[in-house]
Amino acid sequence: MTYEFDILVNNAIENSPDWLMDDIRNILNKKNGQIRLSFVISELYSRYTFSIKHITSAMNQSSEWSIVSHDRLNFIDNNIDLIQYIIKRIK
């Protein structure tokens, strides 16, 4: 990697959302050994896809969790490369 690219990646990681950094740290702390990007993405998806949180949110007539999870899944989809660099930095 070039110096400019390193700066760009570091800035992107520093400005990444706190929820993403916390989720990745939690996933990496649960597993010991070699963890691949595909496993982390799978775990992130399982946190934000349709679940009991959506049902309880709907029972309370609130769509807030649906909106939050939709936004987070879009962020994950659009930033897989960033997630890979975050994993490398945390390891």
Protein backbone atom coordinates (compact mmCIF):
# COMPACT_ATOMS: atom_id res chain seq x y z
CA MET A 1 0.00 0.00 0.00
CA THR A 2 1.09 3.52 -0.64
CA TYR A 3 1.43 6.22 1.95
CA GLU A 4 -1.64 8.09 0.66
CA PHE A 5 -3.72 4.94 0.72
CA ASP A 6 -2.64 4.24 4.31
CA ILE A 7 -3.77 7.72 5.32
CA LEU A 8 -7.10 7.23 3.57
CA VAL A 9 -7.70 3.86 5.26
CA ASN A 10 -6.73 5.22 8.68
CA ASN A 11 -9.12 8.16 8.29
CA ALA A 12 -11.93 5.85 7.18
CA ILE A 13 -11.39 3.58 10.19
CA GLU A 14 -11.22 6.50 12.61
CA ASN A 15 -14.48 7.90 11.21
CA SER A 16 -16.33 4.59 11.07
CA PRO A 17 -19.45 4.32 13.23
CA ASP A 18 -19.02 3.29 16.85
CA TRP A 19 -21.63 0.55 16.52
CA LEU A 20 -19.59 -1.09 13.76
CA MET A 21 -16.35 -0.98 15.73
CA ASP A 22 -18.09 -2.35 18.84
CA ASP A 23 -19.79 -5.15 16.90
CA ILE A 24 -16.56 -6.22 15.20
CA ARG A 25 -14.67 -6.19 18.51
CA ASN A 26 -17.40 -8.30 20.12
CA ILE A 27 -17.32 -10.81 17.28
CA LEU A 28 -13.54 -11.08 17.35
CA ASN A 29 -13.48 -11.43 21.15
CA LYS A 30 -15.93 -14.35 21.05
CA LYS A 31 -13.74 -16.44 18.77
CA ASN A 32 -10.12 -17.36 19.21
CA GLY A 33 -7.82 -18.08 16.31
CA GLN A 34 -8.12 -17.21 12.65
CA ILE A 35 -11.32 -15.37 11.78
CA ARG A 36 -12.18 -14.66 8.19
CA LEU A 37 -14.01 -11.71 6.75
CA SER A 38 -16.91 -13.90 5.64
CA PHE A 39 -17.51 -15.02 9.25
CA VAL A 40 -17.58 -11.44 10.52
CA ILE A 41 -19.96 -10.35 7.74
CA SER A 42 -22.20 -13.32 8.50
CA GLU A 43 -22.28 -12.41 12.19
CA LEU A 44 -23.05 -8.77 11.40
CA TYR A 45 -25.90 -9.82 9.13
CA SER A 46 -27.33 -12.11 11.79
CA ARG A 47 -27.40 -9.18 14.23
CA TYR A 48 -29.42 -6.92 11.94
CA THR A 49 -31.61 -9.15 9.79
CA PHE A 50 -35.20 -9.91 10.75
CA SER A 51 -35.34 -11.10 14.35
CA ILE A 52 -37.30 -10.92 17.56
CA LYS A 53 -36.26 -7.27 17.91
CA HIS A 54 -38.28 -6.48 14.79
CA ILE A 55 -41.31 -8.29 16.18
CA THR A 56 -41.20 -6.59 19.58
CA SER A 57 -40.65 -3.25 17.91
CA ALA A 58 -43.69 -3.81 15.71
CA MET A 59 -45.77 -4.91 18.72
CA ASN A 60 -44.97 -1.56 20.33
CA GLN A 61 -45.98 0.17 17.09
CA SER A 62 -42.49 1.46 16.54
CA SER A 63 -40.52 1.11 13.34
CA GLU A 64 -37.31 2.50 14.81
CA TRP A 65 -35.43 -0.83 14.97
CA SER A 66 -36.44 -1.70 11.42
CA ILE A 67 -35.05 1.60 10.18
CA VAL A 68 -31.84 1.27 12.22
CA SER A 69 -31.21 -2.31 11.11
CA HIS A 70 -31.94 -1.44 7.47
CA ASP A 71 -29.47 1.45 7.59
CA ARG A 72 -26.81 -0.68 9.25
CA LEU A 73 -27.20 -3.51 6.74
CA ASN A 74 -26.80 -0.98 3.92
CA PHE A 75 -23.67 0.38 5.56
CA ILE A 76 -22.25 -3.14 5.91
CA ASP A 77 -23.01 -3.92 2.26
CA ASN A 78 -21.34 -0.75 1.03
CA ASN A 79 -18.24 -0.98 3.24
CA ILE A 80 -17.02 -4.57 3.14
CA ASP A 81 -13.48 -3.43 2.29
CA LEU A 82 -13.49 -1.07 5.27
CA ILE A 83 -14.64 -3.92 7.53
CA GLN A 84 -11.74 -6.01 6.27
CA TYR A 85 -9.25 -3.27 7.19
CA ILE A 86 -10.89 -2.82 10.61
CA ILE A 87 -10.47 -6.55 11.28
CA LYS A 88 -6.78 -6.37 10.30
CA ARG A 89 -6.23 -3.39 12.57
CA ILE A 90 -7.96 -4.96 15.58
CA LYS A 91 -6.01 -8.21 15.23
